[in-house]
Amino acid sequence: MKFDKTDEFAADWKSLPLDHRRIFRSLMTAFNAAGEAYLSDPGRQWPAGLRVKPMINTKGIWEMTWSFSGPDGRATFEFVQIDGETAVRWRRIGRHGIYQNP
């Protein structure tokens, strides 16, 4: 699955602790597979461990929560078109505070 990132995501990433980065990277194989499966069948459920769902009151923005504590890890994304393919644009990454401006 192709992906892109916002400038905000890049800035968030730079300030993210190394353990958060490692955890996020370790989830990308499962996330990509689940994303491809979702695109082929939007009725399909995302894996429970990724805790992916559409954000409330933010049309087209999704959230992924991989930990609620130790570390509190969350990211937001949206589906976009890149070179004629549906792809993921990562918008924000960090703690719960990213939801104030997802």
PDB file of N, CA and C in Angstrom:
ATOM      1  N   MET A   1       0.852  -1.172   0.000  1.00  0.00           N
ATOM      2  CA  MET A   1       0.000   0.000   0.000  1.00  0.00           C
ATOM      3  C   MET A   1       0.896   1.232   0.000  1.00  0.00           C
ATOM      4  N   LYS A   2       0.598   2.166  -0.881  1.00  0.00           N
ATOM      5  CA  LYS A   2       1.345   3.420  -0.913  1.00  0.00           C
ATOM      6  C   LYS A   2       0.909   4.294   0.251  1.00  0.00           C
ATOM      7  N   PHE A   3       1.826   5.193   0.645  1.00  0.00           N
ATOM      8  CA  PHE A   3       1.471   6.128   1.697  1.00  0.00           C
ATOM      9  C   PHE A   3       2.170   7.456   1.471  1.00  0.00           C
ATOM     10  N   ASP A   4       1.649   8.440   2.145  1.00  0.00           N
ATOM     11  CA  ASP A   4       2.189   9.792   2.147  1.00  0.00           C
ATOM     12  C   ASP A   4       2.072  10.270   3.586  1.00  0.00           C
ATOM     13  N   LYS A   5       2.654  11.403   3.885  1.00  0.00           N
ATOM     14  CA  LYS A   5       2.523  11.964   5.232  1.00  0.00           C
ATOM     15  C   LYS A   5       2.442  13.470   5.134  1.00  0.00           C
ATOM     16  N   THR A   6       1.757  14.053   6.095  1.00  0.00           N
ATOM     17  CA  THR A   6       1.660  15.513   6.162  1.00  0.00           C
ATOM     18  C   THR A   6       2.914  16.061   6.837  1.00  0.00           C
ATOM     19  N   ASP A   7       3.111  17.354   6.689  1.00  0.00           N
ATOM     20  CA  ASP A   7       4.214  18.010   7.395  1.00  0.00           C
ATOM     21  C   ASP A   7       4.033  17.878   8.906  1.00  0.00           C
ATOM     22  N   GLU A   8       2.784  17.914   9.362  1.00  0.00           N
ATOM     23  CA  GLU A   8       2.499  17.763  10.802  1.00  0.00           C
ATOM     24  C   GLU A   8       2.933  16.380  11.289  1.00  0.00           C
ATOM     25  N   PHE A   9       2.659  15.346  10.483  1.00  0.00           N
ATOM     26  CA  PHE A   9       3.081  14.002  10.859  1.00  0.00           C
ATOM     27  C   PHE A   9       4.604  13.942  10.968  1.00  0.00           C
ATOM     28  N   ALA A  10       5.287  14.527   9.986  1.00  0.00           N
ATOM     29  CA  ALA A  10       6.753  14.514  10.000  1.00  0.00           C
ATOM     30  C   ALA A  10       7.294  15.210  11.246  1.00  0.00           C
ATOM     31  N   ALA A  11       6.694  16.335  11.613  1.00  0.00           N
ATOM     32  CA  ALA A  11       7.128  17.048  12.823  1.00  0.00           C
ATOM     33  C   ALA A  11       6.820  16.230  14.076  1.00  0.00           C
ATOM     34  N   ASP A  12       5.619  15.626  14.120  1.00  0.00           N
ATOM     35  CA  ASP A  12       5.256  14.771  15.257  1.00  0.00           C
ATOM     36  C   ASP A  12       6.258  13.619  15.385  1.00  0.00           C
ATOM     37  N   TRP A  13       6.612  13.026  14.250  1.00  0.00           N
ATOM     38  CA  TRP A  13       7.518  11.863  14.234  1.00  0.00           C
ATOM     39  C   TRP A  13       8.871  12.224  14.842  1.00  0.00           C
ATOM     40  N   LYS A  14       9.378  13.390  14.508  1.00  0.00           N
ATOM     41  CA  LYS A  14      10.686  13.816  15.020  1.00  0.00           C
ATOM     42  C   LYS A  14      10.689  13.940  16.536  1.00  0.00           C
ATOM     43  N   SER A  15       9.544  14.300  17.113  1.00  0.00           N
ATOM     44  CA  SER A  15       9.487  14.464  18.566  1.00  0.00           C
ATOM     45  C   SER A  15       8.992  13.203  19.279  1.00  0.00           C
ATOM     46  N   LEU A  16       8.685  12.163  18.520  1.00  0.00           N
ATOM     47  CA  LEU A  16       8.183  10.921  19.098  1.00  0.00           C
ATOM     48  C   LEU A  16       9.323  10.126  19.736  1.00  0.00           C
ATOM     49  N   PRO A  17       9.131   9.619  20.941  1.00  0.00           N
ATOM     50  CA  PRO A  17      10.173   8.801  21.563  1.00  0.00           C
ATOM     51  C   PRO A  17      10.498   7.565  20.699  1.00  0.00           C
ATOM     52  N   LEU A  18      11.713   7.094  20.787  1.00  0.00           N
ATOM     53  CA  LEU A  18      12.157   5.957  19.967  1.00  0.00           C
ATOM     54  C   LEU A  18      11.300   4.711  20.170  1.00  0.00           C
ATOM     55  N   ASP A  19      10.859   4.456  21.410  1.00  0.00           N
ATOM     56  CA  ASP A  19      10.037   3.265  21.635  1.00  0.00           C
ATOM     57  C   ASP A  19       8.695   3.382  20.905  1.00  0.00           C
ATOM     58  N   HIS A  20       8.147   4.576  20.805  1.00  0.00           N
ATOM     59  CA  HIS A  20       6.906   4.786  20.058  1.00  0.00           C
ATOM     60  C   HIS A  20       7.141   4.514  18.572  1.00  0.00           C
ATOM     61  N   ARG A  21       8.262   5.006  18.057  1.00  0.00           N
ATOM     62  CA  ARG A  21       8.583   4.786  16.640  1.00  0.00           C
ATOM     63  C   ARG A  21       8.710   3.301  16.327  1.00  0.00           C
ATOM     64  N   ARG A  22       9.401   2.581  17.208  1.00  0.00           N
ATOM     65  CA  ARG A  22       9.580   1.138  16.993  1.00  0.00           C
ATOM     66  C   ARG A  22       8.235   0.410  16.971  1.00  0.00           C
ATOM     67  N   ILE A  23       7.371   0.751  17.908  1.00  0.00           N
ATOM     68  CA  ILE A  23       6.062   0.100  17.969  1.00  0.00           C
ATOM     69  C   ILE A  23       5.259   0.409  16.711  1.00  0.00           C
ATOM     70  N   PHE A  24       5.236   1.675  16.304  1.00  0.00           N
ATOM     71  CA  PHE A  24       4.492   2.061  15.107  1.00  0.00           C
ATOM     72  C   PHE A  24       5.017   1.307  13.885  1.00  0.00           C
ATOM     73  N   ARG A  25       6.319   1.301  13.701  1.00  0.00           N
ATOM     74  CA  ARG A  25       6.909   0.580  12.558  1.00  0.00           C
ATOM     75  C   ARG A  25       6.556  -0.901  12.589  1.00  0.00           C
ATOM     76  N   SER A  26       6.545  -1.486  13.781  1.00  0.00           N
ATOM     77  CA  SER A  26       6.265  -2.923  13.885  1.00  0.00           C
ATOM     78  C   SER A  26       4.836  -3.264  13.485  1.00  0.00           C
ATOM     79  N   LEU A  27       3.945  -2.280  13.496  1.00  0.00           N
ATOM     80  CA  LEU A  27       2.543  -2.502  13.143  1.00  0.00           C
ATOM     81  C   LEU A  27       2.259  -2.337  11.654  1.00  0.00           C
ATOM     82  N   MET A  28       3.205  -1.807  10.910  1.00  0.00           N
ATOM     83  CA  MET A  28       2.928  -1.439   9.523  1.00  0.00           C
ATOM     84  C   MET A  28       2.644  -2.626   8.600  1.00  0.00           C
ATOM     85  N   THR A  29       3.241  -3.768   8.815  1.00  0.00           N
ATOM     86  CA  THR A  29       2.923  -4.934   7.990  1.00  0.00           C
ATOM     87  C   THR A  29       1.466  -5.322   8.173  1.00  0.00           C
ATOM     88  N   ALA A  30       1.026  -5.402   9.426  1.00  0.00           N
ATOM     89  CA  ALA A  30      -0.375  -5.735   9.711  1.00  0.00           C
ATOM     90  C   ALA A  30      -1.311  -4.629   9.217  1.00  0.00           C
ATOM     91  N   PHE A  31      -0.910  -3.366   9.406  1.00  0.00           N
ATOM     92  CA  PHE A  31      -1.748  -2.262   8.963  1.00  0.00           C
ATOM     93  C   PHE A  31      -1.911  -2.285   7.447  1.00  0.00           C
ATOM     94  N   ASN A  32      -0.821  -2.472   6.721  1.00  0.00           N
ATOM     95  CA  ASN A  32      -0.896  -2.487   5.260  1.00  0.00           C
ATOM     96  C   ASN A  32      -1.787  -3.619   4.756  1.00  0.00           C
ATOM     97  N   ALA A  33      -1.633  -4.804   5.326  1.00  0.00           N
ATOM     98  CA  ALA A  33      -2.471  -5.941   4.924  1.00  0.00           C
ATOM     99  C   ALA A  33      -3.942  -5.654   5.228  1.00  0.00           C
ATOM    100  N   ALA A  34      -4.213  -5.118   6.405  1.00  0.00           N
ATOM    101  CA  ALA A  34      -5.591  -4.811   6.779  1.00  0.00           C
ATOM    102  C   ALA A  34      -6.162  -3.687   5.914  1.00  0.00           C
ATOM    103  N   GLY A  35      -5.332  -2.705   5.581  1.00  0.00           N
ATOM    104  CA  GLY A  35      -5.776  -1.618   4.716  1.00  0.00           C
ATOM    105  C   GLY A  35      -6.136  -2.112   3.327  1.00  0.00           C
ATOM    106  N   GLU A  36      -5.313  -2.990   2.757  1.00  0.00           N
ATOM    107  CA  GLU A  36      -5.607  -3.576   1.449  1.00  0.00           C
ATOM    108  C   GLU A  36      -6.909  -4.377   1.508  1.00  0.00           C
ATOM    109  N   ALA A  37      -7.077  -5.145   2.574  1.00  0.00           N
ATOM    110  CA  ALA A  37      -8.296  -5.939   2.728  1.00  0.00           C
ATOM    111  C   ALA A  37      -9.514  -5.033   2.853  1.00  0.00           C
ATOM    112  N   TYR A  38      -9.383  -3.949   3.605  1.00  0.00           N
ATOM    113  CA  TYR A  38     -10.490  -3.007   3.763  1.00  0.00           C
ATOM    114  C   TYR A  38     -10.853  -2.359   2.420  1.00  0.00           C
ATOM    115  N   LEU A  39      -9.861  -1.982   1.649  1.00  0.00           N
ATOM    116  CA  LEU A  39     -10.130  -1.346   0.359  1.00  0.00           C
ATOM    117  C   LEU A  39     -10.840  -2.290  -0.603  1.00  0.00           C
ATOM    118  N   SER A  40     -10.518  -3.576  -0.526  1.00  0.00           N
ATOM    119  CA  SER A  40     -11.191  -4.532  -1.408  1.00  0.00           C
ATOM    120  C   SER A  40     -12.582  -4.888  -0.901  1.00  0.00           C
ATOM    121  N   ASP A  41     -12.823  -4.701   0.413  1.00  0.00           N
ATOM    122  CA  ASP A  41     -14.128  -4.986   1.006  1.00  0.00           C
ATOM    123  C   ASP A  41     -14.350  -4.042   2.190  1.00  0.00           C
ATOM    124  N   PRO A  42     -14.915  -2.836   1.935  1.00  0.00           N
ATOM    125  CA  PRO A  42     -15.090  -1.846   3.011  1.00  0.00           C
ATOM    126  C   PRO A  42     -15.958  -2.315   4.174  1.00  0.00           C
ATOM    127  N   GLY A  43     -16.658  -3.407   4.039  1.00  0.00           N
ATOM    128  CA  GLY A  43     -17.440  -3.938   5.144  1.00  0.00           C
ATOM    129  C   GLY A  43     -16.618  -4.788   6.095  1.00  0.00           C
ATOM    130  N   ARG A  44     -15.413  -5.087   5.697  1.00  0.00           N
ATOM    131  CA  ARG A  44     -14.523  -5.939   6.497  1.00  0.00           C
ATOM    132  C   ARG A  44     -14.025  -5.188   7.730  1.00  0.00           C
ATOM    133  N   GLN A  45     -13.925  -5.912   8.825  1.00  0.00           N
ATOM    134  CA  GLN A  45     -13.439  -5.325  10.081  1.00  0.00           C
ATOM    135  C   GLN A  45     -11.914  -5.217  10.066  1.00  0.00           C
ATOM    136  N   TRP A  46     -11.393  -4.170  10.669  1.00  0.00           N
ATOM    137  CA  TRP A  46      -9.949  -4.035  10.874  1.00  0.00           C
ATOM    138  C   TRP A  46      -9.553  -4.943  12.036  1.00  0.00           C
ATOM    139  N   PRO A  47      -8.326  -5.427  12.089  1.00  0.00           N
ATOM    140  CA  PRO A  47      -7.894  -6.243  13.233  1.00  0.00           C
ATOM    141  C   PRO A  47      -8.062  -5.482  14.546  1.00  0.00           C
ATOM    142  N   ALA A  48      -8.573  -6.163  15.538  1.00  0.00           N
ATOM    143  CA  ALA A  48      -8.853  -5.528  16.831  1.00  0.00           C
ATOM    144  C   ALA A  48      -7.606  -4.890  17.442  1.00  0.00           C
ATOM    145  N   GLY A  49      -6.447  -5.501  17.258  1.00  0.00           N
ATOM    146  CA  GLY A  49      -5.216  -4.983  17.853  1.00  0.00           C
ATOM    147  C   GLY A  49      -4.781  -3.634  17.312  1.00  0.00           C
ATOM    148  N   LEU A  50      -5.246  -3.281  16.112  1.00  0.00           N
ATOM    149  CA  LEU A  50      -4.882  -1.981  15.539  1.00  0.00           C
ATOM    150  C   LEU A  50      -5.822  -0.871  15.993  1.00  0.00           C
ATOM    151  N   ARG A  51      -6.995  -1.231  16.473  1.00  0.00           N
ATOM    152  CA  ARG A  51      -7.998  -0.264  16.946  1.00  0.00           C
ATOM    153  C   ARG A  51      -8.190   0.869  15.935  1.00  0.00           C
ATOM    154  N   VAL A  52      -8.521   0.497  14.698  1.00  0.00           N
ATOM    155  CA  VAL A  52      -8.757   1.470  13.639  1.00  0.00           C
ATOM    156  C   VAL A  52     -10.240   1.738  13.526  1.00  0.00           C
ATOM    157  N   LYS A  53     -10.594   3.024  13.448  1.00  0.00           N
ATOM    158  CA  LYS A  53     -11.997   3.393  13.265  1.00  0.00           C
ATOM    159  C   LYS A  53     -12.065   4.811  12.714  1.00  0.00           C
ATOM    160  N   PRO A  54     -13.173   5.147  12.061  1.00  0.00           N
ATOM    161  CA  PRO A  54     -13.329   6.532  11.605  1.00  0.00           C
ATOM    162  C   PRO A  54     -13.464   7.461  12.813  1.00  0.00           C
ATOM    163  N   MET A  55     -12.877   8.634  12.716  1.00  0.00           N
ATOM    164  CA  MET A  55     -13.013   9.604  13.803  1.00  0.00           C
ATOM    165  C   MET A  55     -14.414  10.196  13.772  1.00  0.00           C
ATOM    166  N   ILE A  56     -14.923  10.530  14.926  1.00  0.00           N
ATOM    167  CA  ILE A  56     -16.235  11.151  15.042  1.00  0.00           C
ATOM    168  C   ILE A  56     -16.107  12.626  14.681  1.00  0.00           C
ATOM    169  N   ASN A  57     -17.062  13.129  13.912  1.00  0.00           N
ATOM    170  CA  ASN A  57     -17.140  14.542  13.524  1.00  0.00           C
ATOM    171  C   ASN A  57     -15.944  15.032  12.705  1.00  0.00           C
ATOM    172  N   THR A  58     -15.247  14.139  12.014  1.00  0.00           N
ATOM    173  CA  THR A  58     -14.131  14.527  11.145  1.00  0.00           C
ATOM    174  C   THR A  58     -14.220  13.668   9.884  1.00  0.00           C
ATOM    175  N   LYS A  59     -15.015  14.099   8.954  1.00  0.00           N
ATOM    176  CA  LYS A  59     -15.293  13.320   7.753  1.00  0.00           C
ATOM    177  C   LYS A  59     -14.002  12.927   7.027  1.00  0.00           C
ATOM    178  N   GLY A  60     -13.853  11.631   6.820  1.00  0.00           N
ATOM    179  CA  GLY A  60     -12.745  11.115   6.048  1.00  0.00           C
ATOM    180  C   GLY A  60     -11.455  10.886   6.810  1.00  0.00           C
ATOM    181  N   ILE A  61     -11.419  11.225   8.097  1.00  0.00           N
ATOM    182  CA  ILE A  61     -10.209  11.009   8.896  1.00  0.00           C
ATOM    183  C   ILE A  61     -10.427   9.814   9.813  1.00  0.00           C
ATOM    184  N   TRP A  62      -9.430   8.950   9.834  1.00  0.00           N
ATOM    185  CA  TRP A  62      -9.464   7.728  10.637  1.00  0.00           C
ATOM    186  C   TRP A  62      -8.435   7.835  11.760  1.00  0.00           C
ATOM    187  N   GLU A  63      -8.637   7.032  12.786  1.00  0.00           N
ATOM    188  CA  GLU A  63      -7.679   6.976  13.886  1.00  0.00           C
ATOM    189  C   GLU A  63      -7.241   5.542  14.113  1.00  0.00           C
ATOM    190  N   MET A  64      -6.010   5.400  14.594  1.00  0.00           N
ATOM    191  CA  MET A  64      -5.479   4.098  14.997  1.00  0.00           C
ATOM    192  C   MET A  64      -4.872   4.292  16.376  1.00  0.00           C
ATOM    193  N   THR A  65      -5.261   3.457  17.308  1.00  0.00           N
ATOM    194  CA  THR A  65      -4.727   3.513  18.667  1.00  0.00           C
ATOM    195  C   THR A  65      -4.075   2.180  18.965  1.00  0.00           C
ATOM    196  N   TRP A  66      -2.765   2.185  19.116  1.00  0.00           N
ATOM    197  CA  TRP A  66      -2.100   0.913  19.400  1.00  0.00           C
ATOM    198  C   TRP A  66      -1.808   0.723  20.872  1.00  0.00           C
ATOM    199  N   SER A  67      -1.995   1.787  21.674  1.00  0.00           N
ATOM    200  CA  SER A  67      -1.802   1.643  23.108  1.00  0.00           C
ATOM    201  C   SER A  67      -2.501   2.790  23.828  1.00  0.00           C
ATOM    202  N   PHE A  68      -3.175   2.468  24.909  1.00  0.00           N
ATOM    203  CA  PHE A  68      -3.814   3.497  25.725  1.00  0.00           C
ATOM    204  C   PHE A  68      -2.911   3.939  26.872  1.00  0.00           C
ATOM    205  N   SER A  69      -1.907   3.129  27.168  1.00  0.00           N
ATOM    206  CA  SER A  69      -0.987   3.479  28.251  1.00  0.00           C
ATOM    207  C   SER A  69       0.351   2.817  27.998  1.00  0.00           C
ATOM    208  N   GLY A  70       1.369   3.479  28.398  1.00  0.00           N
ATOM    209  CA  GLY A  70       2.727   2.957  28.372  1.00  0.00           C
ATOM    210  C   GLY A  70       3.220   2.320  27.099  1.00  0.00           C
ATOM    211  N   PRO A  71       3.437   2.972  26.019  1.00  0.00           N
ATOM    212  CA  PRO A  71       3.175   4.368  25.703  1.00  0.00           C
ATOM    213  C   PRO A  71       1.780   4.564  25.116  1.00  0.00           C
ATOM    214  N   ASP A  72       1.242   5.740  25.320  1.00  0.00           N
ATOM    215  CA  ASP A  72      -0.039   6.146  24.738  1.00  0.00           C
ATOM    216  C   ASP A  72       0.239   6.430  23.267  1.00  0.00           C
ATOM    217  N   GLY A  73      -0.158   5.536  22.369  1.00  0.00           N
ATOM    218  CA  GLY A  73       0.197   5.668  20.964  1.00  0.00           C
ATOM    219  C   GLY A  73      -1.007   5.772  20.056  1.00  0.00           C
ATOM    220  N   ARG A  74      -1.059   6.857  19.297  1.00  0.00           N
ATOM    221  CA  ARG A  74      -2.198   7.104  18.407  1.00  0.00           C
ATOM    222  C   ARG A  74      -1.696   7.747  17.123  1.00  0.00           C
ATOM    223  N   ALA A  75      -2.438   7.516  16.051  1.00  0.00           N
ATOM    224  CA  ALA A  75      -2.128   8.156  14.778  1.00  0.00           C
ATOM    225  C   ALA A  75      -3.435   8.402  14.033  1.00  0.00           C
ATOM    226  N   THR A  76      -3.422   9.421  13.184  1.00  0.00           N
ATOM    227  CA  THR A  76      -4.584   9.687  12.341  1.00  0.00           C
ATOM    228  C   THR A  76      -4.144   9.594  10.881  1.00  0.00           C
ATOM    229  N   PHE A  77      -5.097   9.207  10.034  1.00  0.00           N
ATOM    230  CA  PHE A  77      -4.794   9.065   8.620  1.00  0.00           C
ATOM    231  C   PHE A  77      -6.056   9.265   7.806  1.00  0.00           C
ATOM    232  N   GLU A  78      -5.870   9.365   6.493  1.00  0.00           N
ATOM    233  CA  GLU A  78      -6.991   9.454   5.569  1.00  0.00           C
ATOM    234  C   GLU A  78      -6.611   8.686   4.309  1.00  0.00           C
ATOM    235  N   PHE A  79      -7.610   8.292   3.563  1.00  0.00           N
ATOM    236  CA  PHE A  79      -7.370   7.645   2.282  1.00  0.00           C
ATOM    237  C   PHE A  79      -7.317   8.725   1.206  1.00  0.00           C
ATOM    238  N   VAL A  80      -6.304   8.651   0.350  1.00  0.00           N
ATOM    239  CA  VAL A  80      -6.107   9.614  -0.733  1.00  0.00           C
ATOM    240  C   VAL A  80      -5.750   8.849  -2.008  1.00  0.00           C
ATOM    241  N   GLN A  81      -5.665   9.556  -3.107  1.00  0.00           N
ATOM    242  CA  GLN A  81      -5.231   8.972  -4.372  1.00  0.00           C
ATOM    243  C   GLN A  81      -3.789   9.396  -4.654  1.00  0.00           C
ATOM    244  N   ILE A  82      -2.938   8.430  -4.950  1.00  0.00           N
ATOM    245  CA  ILE A  82      -1.557   8.679  -5.359  1.00  0.00           C
ATOM    246  C   ILE A  82      -1.317   7.872  -6.625  1.00  0.00           C
ATOM    247  N   ASP A  83      -1.003   8.552  -7.694  1.00  0.00           N
ATOM    248  CA  ASP A  83      -0.762   7.888  -8.980  1.00  0.00           C
ATOM    249  C   ASP A  83      -1.906   6.961  -9.368  1.00  0.00           C
ATOM    250  N   GLY A  84      -3.141   7.411  -9.126  1.00  0.00           N
ATOM    251  CA  GLY A  84      -4.313   6.636  -9.501  1.00  0.00           C
ATOM    252  C   GLY A  84      -4.635   5.474  -8.580  1.00  0.00           C
ATOM    253  N   GLU A  85      -3.920   5.329  -7.488  1.00  0.00           N
ATOM    254  CA  GLU A  85      -4.161   4.254  -6.512  1.00  0.00           C
ATOM    255  C   GLU A  85      -4.632   4.859  -5.197  1.00  0.00           C
ATOM    256  N   THR A  86      -5.511   4.129  -4.521  1.00  0.00           N
ATOM    257  CA  THR A  86      -5.895   4.557  -3.170  1.00  0.00           C
ATOM    258  C   THR A  86      -4.723   4.278  -2.243  1.00  0.00           C
ATOM    259  N   ALA A  87      -4.382   5.274  -1.448  1.00  0.00           N
ATOM    260  CA  ALA A  87      -3.242   5.193  -0.546  1.00  0.00           C
ATOM    261  C   ALA A  87      -3.622   5.806   0.800  1.00  0.00           C
ATOM    262  N   VAL A  88      -2.730   5.699   1.748  1.00  0.00           N
ATOM    263  CA  VAL A  88      -2.923   6.275   3.081  1.00  0.00           C
ATOM    264  C   VAL A  88      -2.046   7.509   3.212  1.00  0.00           C
ATOM    265  N   ARG A  89      -2.632   8.586   3.699  1.00  0.00           N
ATOM    266  CA  ARG A  89      -1.856   9.764   4.091  1.00  0.00           C
ATOM    267  C   ARG A  89      -1.907   9.835   5.615  1.00  0.00           C
ATOM    268  N   TRP A  90      -0.742   9.654   6.222  1.00  0.00           N
ATOM    269  CA  TRP A  90      -0.644   9.784   7.673  1.00  0.00           C
ATOM    270  C   TRP A  90      -0.684  11.265   8.011  1.00  0.00           C
ATOM    271  N   ARG A  91      -1.569  11.638   8.929  1.00  0.00           N
ATOM    272  CA  ARG A  91      -1.800  13.044   9.257  1.00  0.00           C
ATOM    273  C   ARG A  91      -1.083  13.476  10.535  1.00  0.00           C
ATOM    274  N   ARG A  92      -1.242  12.715  11.612  1.00  0.00           N
ATOM    275  CA  ARG A  92      -0.647  13.048  12.914  1.00  0.00           C
ATOM    276  C   ARG A  92      -0.251  11.750  13.606  1.00  0.00           C
ATOM    277  N   ILE A  93       0.693  11.849  14.541  1.00  0.00           N
ATOM    278  CA  ILE A  93       1.084  10.710  15.364  1.00  0.00           C
ATOM    279  C   ILE A  93       1.537  11.241  16.720  1.00  0.00           C
ATOM    280  N   GLY A  94       1.198  10.504  17.764  1.00  0.00           N
ATOM    281  CA  GLY A  94       1.611  10.932  19.105  1.00  0.00           C
ATOM    282  C   GLY A  94       0.674  10.417  20.172  1.00  0.00           C
ATOM    283  N   ARG A  95       0.348  11.290  21.075  1.00  0.00           N
ATOM    284  CA  ARG A  95      -0.545  10.960  22.186  1.00  0.00           C
ATOM    285  C   ARG A  95      -1.948  11.489  21.909  1.00  0.00           C
ATOM    286  N   HIS A  96      -2.821  11.374  22.882  1.00  0.00           N
ATOM    287  CA  HIS A  96      -4.227  11.753  22.732  1.00  0.00           C
ATOM    288  C   HIS A  96      -4.395  13.195  22.223  1.00  0.00           C
ATOM    289  N   GLY A  97      -3.475  14.079  22.526  1.00  0.00           N
ATOM    290  CA  GLY A  97      -3.567  15.473  22.127  1.00  0.00           C
ATOM    291  C   GLY A  97      -3.625  15.713  20.627  1.00  0.00           C
ATOM    292  N   ILE A  98      -3.196  14.731  19.822  1.00  0.00           N
ATOM    293  CA  ILE A  98      -3.247  14.925  18.366  1.00  0.00           C
ATOM    294  C   ILE A  98      -4.682  15.031  17.873  1.00  0.00           C
ATOM    295  N   TYR A  99      -5.639  14.550  18.663  1.00  0.00           N
ATOM    296  CA  TYR A  99      -7.038  14.592  18.252  1.00  0.00           C
ATOM    297  C   TYR A  99      -7.609  16.011  18.251  1.00  0.00           C
ATOM    298  N   GLN A 100      -6.924  16.944  18.906  1.00  0.00           N
ATOM    299  CA  GLN A 100      -7.392  18.329  18.892  1.00  0.00           C
ATOM    300  C   GLN A 100      -7.266  18.950  17.509  1.00  0.00           C
ATOM    301  N   ASN A 101      -6.296  18.464  16.714  1.00  0.00           N
ATOM    302  CA  ASN A 101      -6.105  18.915  15.336  1.00  0.00           C
ATOM    303  C   ASN A 101      -5.653  17.704  14.519  1.00  0.00           C
ATOM    304  N   PRO A 102      -6.606  16.791  14.225  1.00  0.00           N
ATOM    305  CA  PRO A 102      -6.222  15.510  13.631  1.00  0.00           C
ATOM    306  C   PRO A 102      -5.708  15.641  12.208  1.00  0.00           C
TER     307      PRO A 102
END
